[in-house]
Protein backbone atom coordinates (compact mmCIF):
# COMPACT_ATOMS: atom_id res chain seq x y z
CA UNK A 1 15.46 -16.43 -3.84
CA UNK A 2 16.25 -13.58 -6.24
CA UNK A 3 18.53 -10.66 -5.46
CA UNK A 4 18.99 -7.23 -7.02
CA UNK A 5 22.41 -5.96 -8.06
CA UNK A 6 22.50 -2.16 -8.30
CA UNK A 7 25.54 -0.32 -9.63
CA UNK A 8 26.38 3.35 -9.57
CA UNK A 9 24.14 4.99 -12.17
CA UNK A 10 23.86 8.22 -14.08
CA UNK A 11 20.98 10.54 -13.08
CA UNK A 12 17.66 8.91 -13.93
CA UNK A 13 16.16 10.26 -17.15
CA UNK A 14 13.08 9.21 -19.09
CA UNK A 15 9.41 8.39 -18.73
CA UNK A 16 7.54 5.33 -17.44
CA UNK A 17 3.98 4.21 -16.74
CA UNK A 18 2.72 3.88 -13.15
CA UNK A 19 0.82 0.72 -12.23
CA UNK A 20 -2.50 0.39 -10.46
CA UNK A 21 -2.45 0.74 -6.68
CA UNK A 22 -1.91 -2.45 -4.73
CA UNK A 23 -3.39 -0.88 -1.59
CA UNK A 24 -6.60 -0.10 -3.50
CA UNK A 25 -6.70 -3.30 -5.53
CA UNK A 26 -6.56 -5.61 -2.52
CA UNK A 27 -9.63 -4.27 -0.67
CA UNK A 28 -11.51 -3.92 -3.97
CA UNK A 29 -10.85 -7.60 -4.73
CA UNK A 30 -12.17 -8.42 -1.26
CA UNK A 31 -15.24 -6.29 -1.99
CA UNK A 32 -16.12 -8.47 -4.99
CA UNK A 33 -17.36 -11.02 -2.43
CA UNK A 34 -20.28 -8.66 -1.67
CA UNK A 35 -21.74 -8.69 -5.19
CA UNK A 36 -24.51 -10.96 -6.44
CA UNK A 37 -23.11 -10.89 -9.98
CA UNK A 38 -19.75 -10.93 -11.79
CA UNK A 39 -17.26 -8.15 -11.08
CA UNK A 40 -14.65 -6.84 -13.55
CA UNK A 41 -11.64 -5.18 -11.88
CA UNK A 42 -9.15 -3.47 -14.22
CA UNK A 43 -5.73 -1.81 -13.85
CA UNK A 44 -4.59 -4.26 -11.18
CA UNK A 45 -0.79 -4.39 -10.73
CA UNK A 46 0.97 -7.69 -11.41
CA UNK A 47 2.26 -8.23 -7.88
CA UNK A 48 2.70 -11.13 -5.46
CA UNK A 49 0.13 -9.68 -3.03
CA UNK A 50 -2.49 -9.41 -5.80
CA UNK A 51 -1.70 -12.98 -6.87
CA UNK A 52 -2.09 -14.11 -3.25
CA UNK A 53 -5.48 -12.40 -2.92
CA UNK A 54 -6.68 -14.04 -6.14
CA UNK A 55 -5.44 -17.41 -4.86
CA UNK A 56 -7.34 -16.79 -1.63
CA UNK A 57 -10.56 -16.13 -3.58
CA UNK A 58 -10.02 -19.27 -5.64
CA UNK A 59 -9.42 -21.46 -2.59
CA UNK A 60 -12.85 -20.38 -1.33
CA UNK A 61 -14.40 -21.56 -4.60
CA UNK A 62 -14.78 -18.11 -6.15
CA UNK A 63 -14.45 -18.07 -9.94
CA UNK A 64 -11.50 -15.94 -11.09
CA UNK A 65 -10.33 -15.36 -14.67
CA UNK A 66 -7.56 -12.98 -15.75
CA UNK A 67 -6.76 -11.51 -19.15
CA UNK A 68 -3.38 -10.37 -20.47
CA UNK A 69 -4.00 -6.79 -19.26
CA UNK A 70 -4.53 -7.91 -15.63
CA UNK A 71 -8.26 -7.26 -15.87
CA UNK A 72 -9.86 -9.78 -13.53
CA UNK A 73 -13.38 -11.19 -13.68
CA UNK A 74 -14.62 -12.46 -10.32
CA UNK A 75 -17.77 -14.56 -9.89
CA UNK A 76 -18.53 -14.48 -6.15
CA UNK A 77 -21.64 -16.65 -6.50
CA UNK A 78 -19.53 -19.80 -6.85
CA UNK A 79 -18.11 -19.49 -3.32
CA UNK A 80 -18.17 -22.81 -1.44
CA UNK A 81 -15.91 -22.21 1.56
CA UNK A 82 -15.94 -19.31 4.03
CA UNK A 83 -12.44 -19.93 5.42
CA UNK A 84 -9.28 -17.93 4.66
CA UNK A 85 -6.55 -20.45 5.54
CA UNK A 86 -3.29 -19.79 7.35
CA UNK A 87 -1.11 -20.95 4.44
CA UNK A 88 -2.29 -18.01 2.33
CA UNK A 89 -3.07 -15.41 4.97
CA UNK A 90 0.34 -15.72 6.69
CA UNK A 91 2.08 -14.04 3.74
CA UNK A 92 -0.18 -10.99 3.44
CA UNK A 93 -1.83 -8.87 6.07
CA UNK A 94 -4.50 -7.58 3.68
CA UNK A 95 -6.10 -11.03 3.76
CA UNK A 96 -7.99 -9.86 6.86
CA UNK A 97 -10.08 -7.72 4.48
CA UNK A 98 -12.17 -10.71 3.41
CA UNK A 99 -13.58 -10.98 6.95
CA UNK A 100 -16.16 -8.18 6.69
CA UNK A 101 -17.45 -9.03 3.19
CA UNK A 102 -17.83 -12.79 3.80
CA UNK A 103 -19.55 -12.24 7.13
CA UNK A 104 -21.90 -9.59 5.74
CA UNK A 105 -22.87 -11.64 2.69
CA UNK A 106 -22.94 -15.18 4.13
CA UNK A 107 -23.27 -14.81 7.90
CA UNK A 108 -20.13 -16.79 8.72
CA UNK A 109 -16.38 -16.27 8.22
CA UNK A 110 -13.24 -17.99 9.47
CA UNK A 111 -10.07 -16.01 8.82
CA UNK A 112 -6.58 -16.82 10.03
CA UNK A 113 -4.66 -14.07 11.76
CA UNK A 114 -2.69 -12.23 9.07
CA UNK A 115 1.02 -11.81 8.38
CA UNK A 116 3.01 -9.35 6.24
CA UNK A 117 5.90 -6.96 6.88
CA UNK A 118 7.60 -6.94 10.28
CA UNK A 119 7.24 -3.18 10.85
CA UNK A 120 5.43 -3.27 14.17
CA UNK A 121 2.24 -4.40 15.83
CA UNK A 122 -0.92 -3.78 13.84
CA UNK A 123 -3.72 -5.28 15.94
CA UNK A 124 -7.06 -6.14 14.39
CA UNK A 125 -8.99 -5.35 17.57
CA UNK A 126 -10.73 -2.38 15.93
CA UNK A 127 -11.99 -4.62 13.11
CA UNK A 128 -13.40 -7.13 15.59
CA UNK A 129 -14.95 -4.60 17.99
CA UNK A 130 -16.68 -2.88 15.07
CA UNK A 131 -18.13 -6.14 13.76
CA UNK A 132 -19.33 -7.05 17.25
CA UNK A 133 -21.06 -3.67 17.46
CA UNK A 134 -22.88 -4.68 14.26
CA UNK A 135 -24.15 -7.86 15.92
CA UNK A 136 -21.45 -10.39 15.02
CA UNK A 137 -20.43 -13.12 17.43
CA UNK A 138 -16.66 -13.49 17.31
CA UNK A 139 -14.41 -16.15 18.80
CA UNK A 140 -10.65 -16.22 18.48
CA UNK A 141 -9.23 -19.73 18.72
CA UNK A 142 -6.43 -21.81 17.20
CA UNK A 143 -5.07 -18.78 15.38
CA UNK A 144 -8.36 -18.08 13.61
CA UNK A 145 -10.99 -15.36 13.85
CA UNK A 146 -14.33 -17.19 13.76
CA UNK A 147 -17.26 -14.83 13.16
CA UNK A 148 -20.99 -15.46 12.88
CA UNK A 149 -24.16 -13.41 12.61
CA UNK A 150 -27.78 -14.38 13.05
CA UNK A 151 -29.27 -12.96 9.88
CA UNK A 152 -28.01 -9.64 8.51
CA UNK A 153 -25.54 -7.52 10.42
CA UNK A 154 -27.12 -4.47 12.07
CA UNK A 155 -26.21 -0.85 11.47
CA UNK A 156 -24.25 0.71 14.32
CA UNK A 157 -22.47 3.89 15.40
CA UNK A 158 -18.76 3.00 15.56
CA UNK A 159 -15.98 5.29 16.75
CA UNK A 160 -12.51 3.99 15.89
CA UNK A 161 -10.13 5.20 18.59
CA UNK A 162 -7.18 4.90 16.18
CA UNK A 163 -7.19 5.85 12.51
CA UNK A 164 -6.89 2.54 10.70
CA UNK A 165 -7.05 2.02 6.95
CA UNK A 166 -7.72 -1.71 7.13
CA UNK A 167 -10.26 -1.31 9.92
CA UNK A 168 -12.12 1.40 8.00
CA UNK A 169 -12.18 -0.76 4.86
CA UNK A 170 -13.34 -3.93 6.63
CA UNK A 171 -16.14 -2.20 8.52
CA UNK A 172 -17.21 -0.19 5.47
CA UNK A 173 -17.57 -3.39 3.44
CA UNK A 174 -19.54 -5.04 6.25
CA UNK A 175 -21.81 -2.00 6.62
CA UNK A 176 -22.94 -1.82 2.99
CA UNK A 177 -25.02 -5.01 3.44
CA UNK A 178 -26.03 -4.37 7.06
CA UNK A 179 -29.62 -3.67 8.09
CA UNK A 180 -29.99 0.05 8.79
CA UNK A 181 -27.56 2.95 9.11
CA UNK A 182 -23.91 2.63 10.12
CA UNK A 183 -21.78 5.62 11.09
CA UNK A 184 -17.99 5.18 11.03
CA UNK A 185 -16.28 7.99 12.96
CA UNK A 186 -12.54 8.74 12.84
CA UNK A 187 -12.43 6.85 9.56
CA UNK A 188 -9.27 6.75 7.46
CA UNK A 189 -9.29 9.24 4.56
CA UNK A 190 -6.59 7.69 2.37
CA UNK A 191 -7.20 7.80 -1.41
CA UNK A 192 -7.28 3.99 -1.41
CA UNK A 193 -10.24 4.07 1.03
CA UNK A 194 -11.95 6.56 -1.29
CA UNK A 195 -11.30 4.24 -4.25
CA UNK A 196 -12.90 1.33 -2.38
CA UNK A 197 -15.91 3.48 -1.47
CA UNK A 198 -16.29 4.55 -5.10
CA UNK A 199 -16.22 0.90 -6.17
CA UNK A 200 -18.89 0.01 -3.59
CA UNK A 201 -21.04 2.93 -4.80
CA UNK A 202 -20.67 1.64 -8.37
CA UNK A 203 -22.00 -1.69 -7.02
CA UNK A 204 -25.06 0.10 -5.64
CA UNK A 205 -23.97 0.95 -2.09
CA UNK A 206 -25.29 4.07 -0.35
CA UNK A 207 -22.32 5.84 1.27
CA UNK A 208 -22.10 9.48 2.39
CA UNK A 209 -19.01 11.42 3.47
CA UNK A 210 -16.54 9.74 1.12
CA UNK A 211 -13.11 11.34 1.62
CA UNK A 212 -13.97 12.64 5.12
CA UNK A 213 -13.39 11.12 8.56
CA UNK A 214 -17.10 10.30 9.02
CA UNK A 215 -18.70 7.74 6.73
CA UNK A 216 -22.46 7.20 6.84
CA UNK A 217 -23.65 3.97 5.24
CA UNK A 218 -27.27 3.04 4.55
CA UNK A 219 -27.20 -0.72 4.17
CA UNK A 220 -28.68 -2.45 1.15
CA UNK A 221 -30.06 -5.99 0.86
CA UNK A 222 -27.93 -6.69 -2.21
CA UNK A 223 -25.20 -5.20 -4.38
CA UNK A 224 -24.77 -5.74 -8.10
CA UNK A 225 -21.65 -6.52 -10.09
CA UNK A 226 -19.87 -3.77 -12.02
CA UNK A 227 -16.69 -2.85 -13.88
CA UNK A 228 -14.17 -0.75 -11.96
CA UNK A 229 -10.70 0.64 -12.74
CA UNK A 230 -8.27 0.75 -9.83
CA UNK A 231 -6.57 4.09 -9.11
CA UNK A 232 -2.85 4.63 -9.83
CA UNK A 233 -0.33 3.71 -7.16
CA UNK A 234 0.64 6.89 -5.32
CA UNK A 235 3.47 5.14 -3.42
CA UNK A 236 5.05 3.76 -6.59
CA UNK A 237 4.68 7.26 -8.04
CA UNK A 238 6.38 8.81 -5.03
CA UNK A 239 9.15 6.21 -5.02
CA UNK A 240 10.19 6.92 -8.62
CA UNK A 241 10.01 10.67 -8.03
CA UNK A 242 12.28 10.37 -4.98
CA UNK A 243 14.68 8.08 -6.87
CA UNK A 244 14.97 10.72 -9.60
CA UNK A 245 15.48 13.49 -7.03
CA UNK A 246 18.18 11.56 -5.18
CA UNK A 247 20.00 10.87 -8.46
CA UNK A 248 19.74 14.54 -9.55
CA UNK A 249 17.76 13.40 -12.60
CA UNK A 250 14.48 14.05 -14.35
CA UNK A 251 11.47 11.81 -15.00
CA UNK A 252 7.96 11.92 -16.39
CA UNK A 253 5.49 9.48 -14.85
CA UNK A 254 2.38 8.61 -16.87
CA UNK A 255 -1.00 7.20 -15.78
CA UNK A 256 -0.82 8.78 -12.34
CA UNK A 257 -2.33 11.72 -10.44
CA UNK A 258 -0.85 14.64 -8.53
CA UNK A 259 -3.92 15.22 -6.34
CA UNK A 260 -3.36 12.01 -4.34
CA UNK A 261 0.26 12.88 -3.52
CA UNK A 262 0.22 16.50 -2.35
CA UNK A 263 2.24 16.09 0.87
CA UNK A 264 4.97 14.17 -0.98
CA UNK A 265 5.15 16.69 -3.84
CA UNK A 266 5.44 19.53 -1.32
CA UNK A 267 8.47 17.87 0.29
CA UNK A 268 10.06 17.23 -3.09
CA UNK A 269 9.71 20.93 -3.92
CA UNK A 270 11.40 21.72 -0.59
CA UNK A 271 14.21 19.41 -1.71
CA UNK A 272 14.72 21.56 -4.80
CA UNK A 273 12.72 19.59 -7.38
CA UNK A 274 11.01 21.39 -10.26
CA UNK A 275 7.59 19.77 -10.64
CA UNK A 276 4.80 20.00 -13.18
CA UNK A 277 1.70 17.89 -13.71
CA UNK A 278 -1.41 17.30 -15.81
CA UNK A 279 -4.54 15.20 -15.45
CA UNK A 280 -2.65 11.90 -15.72
CA UNK A 281 1.07 12.70 -15.46
CA UNK A 282 3.73 14.20 -13.17
CA UNK A 283 7.24 15.31 -14.14
CA UNK A 284 10.24 16.13 -11.95
CA UNK A 285 13.50 17.79 -12.90
CA UNK A 286 16.39 18.42 -10.50
CA UNK A 287 18.33 20.43 -13.13
CA UNK A 288 21.37 18.34 -12.18
CA UNK A 289 21.37 19.68 -8.61
CA UNK A 290 21.89 17.74 -5.42
CA UNK A 291 18.68 17.56 -3.33
CA UNK A 292 18.32 19.58 -0.14
CA UNK A 293 17.57 17.75 3.11
CA UNK A 294 13.96 17.93 4.31
CA UNK A 295 12.26 17.43 7.66
CA UNK A 296 9.18 15.23 7.73
CA UNK A 297 6.80 13.56 10.15
CA UNK A 298 4.52 10.69 9.16
CA UNK A 299 0.82 10.80 10.03
CA UNK A 300 -2.49 9.57 8.58
CA UNK A 301 -3.67 11.06 5.28
CA UNK A 302 -3.64 13.84 4.19
CA UNK A 303 -0.36 14.22 6.11
CA UNK A 304 2.91 12.64 4.99
CA UNK A 305 2.49 8.87 4.35
CA UNK A 306 4.45 6.34 6.37
CA UNK A 307 4.89 4.34 3.14
CA UNK A 308 7.14 7.13 1.76
CA UNK A 309 9.28 7.67 4.86
CA UNK A 310 12.03 5.15 3.97
CA UNK A 311 12.50 6.56 0.46
CA UNK A 312 12.91 10.12 1.76
CA UNK A 313 15.37 8.86 4.39
CA UNK A 314 17.49 7.47 1.55
CA UNK A 315 17.26 10.77 -0.36
CA UNK A 316 18.23 12.73 2.76
CA UNK A 317 21.28 10.48 3.10
CA UNK A 318 22.80 12.12 -0.02
CA UNK A 319 21.21 15.56 0.34
CA UNK A 320 22.73 18.90 1.31
CA UNK A 321 22.29 19.56 5.02
CA UNK A 322 20.57 17.64 7.81
CA UNK A 323 17.00 16.38 7.80
CA UNK A 324 14.91 14.93 10.62
CA UNK A 325 12.53 12.04 9.90
CA UNK A 326 9.91 11.24 12.56
CA UNK A 327 7.92 8.00 12.23
CA UNK A 328 4.66 8.06 14.21
CA UNK A 329 2.70 5.17 12.66
CA UNK A 330 4.82 2.02 13.08
CA UNK A 331 7.38 1.48 15.81
CA UNK A 332 9.86 -0.57 13.74
CA UNK A 333 9.73 1.33 10.49
CA UNK A 334 13.13 3.01 10.77
CA UNK A 335 14.80 -0.39 10.60
CA UNK A 336 16.32 0.39 7.19
CA UNK A 337 18.60 2.97 8.83
CA UNK A 338 21.11 0.30 9.87
CA UNK A 339 21.46 -0.92 6.28
CA UNK A 340 21.84 2.63 4.96
CA UNK A 341 24.58 3.30 7.51
CA UNK A 342 26.38 0.19 6.21
CA UNK A 343 26.50 2.04 2.89
CA UNK A 344 28.17 5.07 4.46
CA UNK A 345 25.11 7.11 5.43
CA UNK A 346 25.32 9.35 8.50
CA UNK A 347 22.06 8.63 10.31
CA UNK A 348 21.51 8.72 14.06
CA UNK A 349 18.47 7.10 15.64
CA UNK A 350 16.76 8.62 18.65
CA UNK A 351 13.65 6.59 19.40
CA UNK A 352 11.22 7.09 16.52
CA UNK A 353 13.36 9.85 14.98
CA UNK A 354 16.15 9.55 12.41
CA UNK A 355 18.56 12.49 12.16
CA UNK A 356 20.07 12.29 8.67
CA UNK A 357 23.15 14.31 7.74
CA UNK A 358 23.70 14.07 4.01
CA UNK A 359 26.97 12.81 2.56
CA UNK A 360 28.25 13.51 -0.94
CA UNK A 361 28.11 9.84 -1.96
CA UNK A 362 27.19 6.49 -0.47
CA UNK A 363 29.24 3.30 -0.99
CA UNK A 364 27.93 0.07 -2.42
CA UNK A 365 27.60 -2.84 0.02
CA UNK A 366 25.69 -6.09 0.54
CA UNK A 367 22.42 -5.20 2.28
CA UNK A 368 19.25 -7.00 3.29
CA UNK A 369 15.67 -5.86 2.74
CA UNK A 370 13.57 -5.97 5.90
CA UNK A 371 10.19 -4.81 4.60
CA UNK A 372 8.52 -3.54 1.44
CA UNK A 373 9.30 0.19 1.61
CA UNK A 374 12.72 -0.33 3.22
CA UNK A 375 13.56 -2.39 0.13
CA UNK A 376 12.76 0.58 -2.09
CA UNK A 377 15.01 2.83 0.00
CA UNK A 378 17.93 0.42 -0.50
CA UNK A 379 17.38 0.44 -4.27
CA UNK A 380 17.45 4.26 -4.26
CA UNK A 381 20.61 4.21 -2.13
CA UNK A 382 22.24 1.72 -4.50
CA UNK A 383 21.54 3.96 -7.50
CA UNK A 384 23.44 6.87 -5.92
CA UNK A 385 26.23 4.83 -4.31
CA UNK A 386 29.68 4.24 -5.68
CA UNK A 387 30.35 0.63 -6.66
CA UNK A 388 27.97 -2.31 -6.41
CA UNK A 389 25.09 -2.87 -3.99
CA UNK A 390 23.68 -6.39 -3.56
CA UNK A 391 20.16 -6.39 -2.12
CA UNK A 392 19.00 -9.66 -0.58
CA UNK A 393 15.46 -10.80 0.37
CA UNK A 394 13.82 -8.82 -2.42
CA UNK A 395 10.62 -10.86 -2.16
CA UNK A 396 9.56 -7.91 0.00
CA UNK A 397 9.89 -5.48 -2.90
CA UNK A 398 8.01 -7.80 -5.25
CA UNK A 399 5.00 -7.48 -2.95
CA UNK A 400 4.59 -3.80 -3.79
CA UNK A 401 6.44 -2.86 -7.00
CA UNK A 402 5.66 -4.20 -10.45
CA UNK A 403 8.87 -4.93 -12.39
CA UNK A 404 10.86 -2.31 -10.47
CA UNK A 405 14.18 -3.19 -12.09
CA UNK A 406 12.70 -3.05 -15.61
CA UNK A 407 11.15 0.37 -15.01
CA UNK A 408 14.40 1.70 -13.57
CA UNK A 409 16.31 0.29 -16.54
CA UNK A 410 13.99 2.32 -18.80
CA UNK A 411 15.21 5.39 -16.88
CA UNK A 412 18.86 4.44 -17.43
CA UNK A 413 19.57 2.74 -14.11
CA UNK A 414 22.26 0.07 -13.87
CA UNK A 415 20.22 -2.59 -12.06
CA UNK A 416 19.53 -6.26 -12.67
CA UNK A 417 17.84 -9.21 -11.01
CA UNK A 418 19.84 -12.38 -10.38
CA UNK A 419 18.80 -15.77 -8.96
CA UNK A 420 20.32 -16.86 -5.67
């Protein structure tokens, strides 16, 4: 198992390209199962989770070919098996997203309960209740969700009592082939959900209200194949911006968008960052100054994203003043605090709130990654710590960041990957 060794670095300085969004690419790959012709998905990031989703499609008999630019051609018509097995699903929670498309297209789906990061309970009840409202018969046995429908699914009015990205995506994909009109209320509004909806529309789906909390879907009997480019990764974008801010540096990020990251950019400006942006780039310059501590509270989009909370906690650890970080989405997502305190941070936990008093400098130490975004926070902490930081269990970070050490090296960071 690889580790990352991070040494005290100069302020980050330079420009890099941002990859395609994993959290958009995964549901879009699942959506290829709905088409009756080949799909071409471009700008996919080269990540373990993407590789796992492609392996899942292949194990069901779906034809998958990849070129050197990570543009994937998917032929869903060659599917022979409607089961998503435990061996693949256990490593990635997004595997649940094949449930809706397979059921809608083929009338039967068997999907193992998913795995992923240990950041709290994320029940799939909303997915299942929504599919049942559309006429599916669902049985949960032996660790599998076994779903059937007699003929096409039926349009339904579904209110999701909790905002759920995965639930919105699964039910949206099921609805596009359902008979009649489906209304999804309290739907997630994340840019990745919008990207999925735009892909489905390019395939011929009829969806109203994209980007709002009410989606109205008029089901079609069939969807065609198409070519679609995945949006840039807003969390990778935010992570590199925060790393530059924590290090008092400056960066220019290419192939990304400012409009999908407004809450994060606002907090970076509060921290003292000088920001500018264009159609496909964002730059940040701290003018050599130490960041100022910020208060934040995570909530569904368009509020501050839970996937950026850990990175800002790390920045606050070396900022001027005291910042309060409140996590409202996942109950275990402040787990990285204990590792940051091992590096000399002054962070006190009170339930779902971290009170972070900035110190002038952290100290390098051996630390262990506990989930994807916590891993990123430890890398940021290592960049601004004195001495050497050894980060173990980095398979978490490889699930969400494409070549993170190589991109940071381009910005002048002293970081390298070593085998165990």
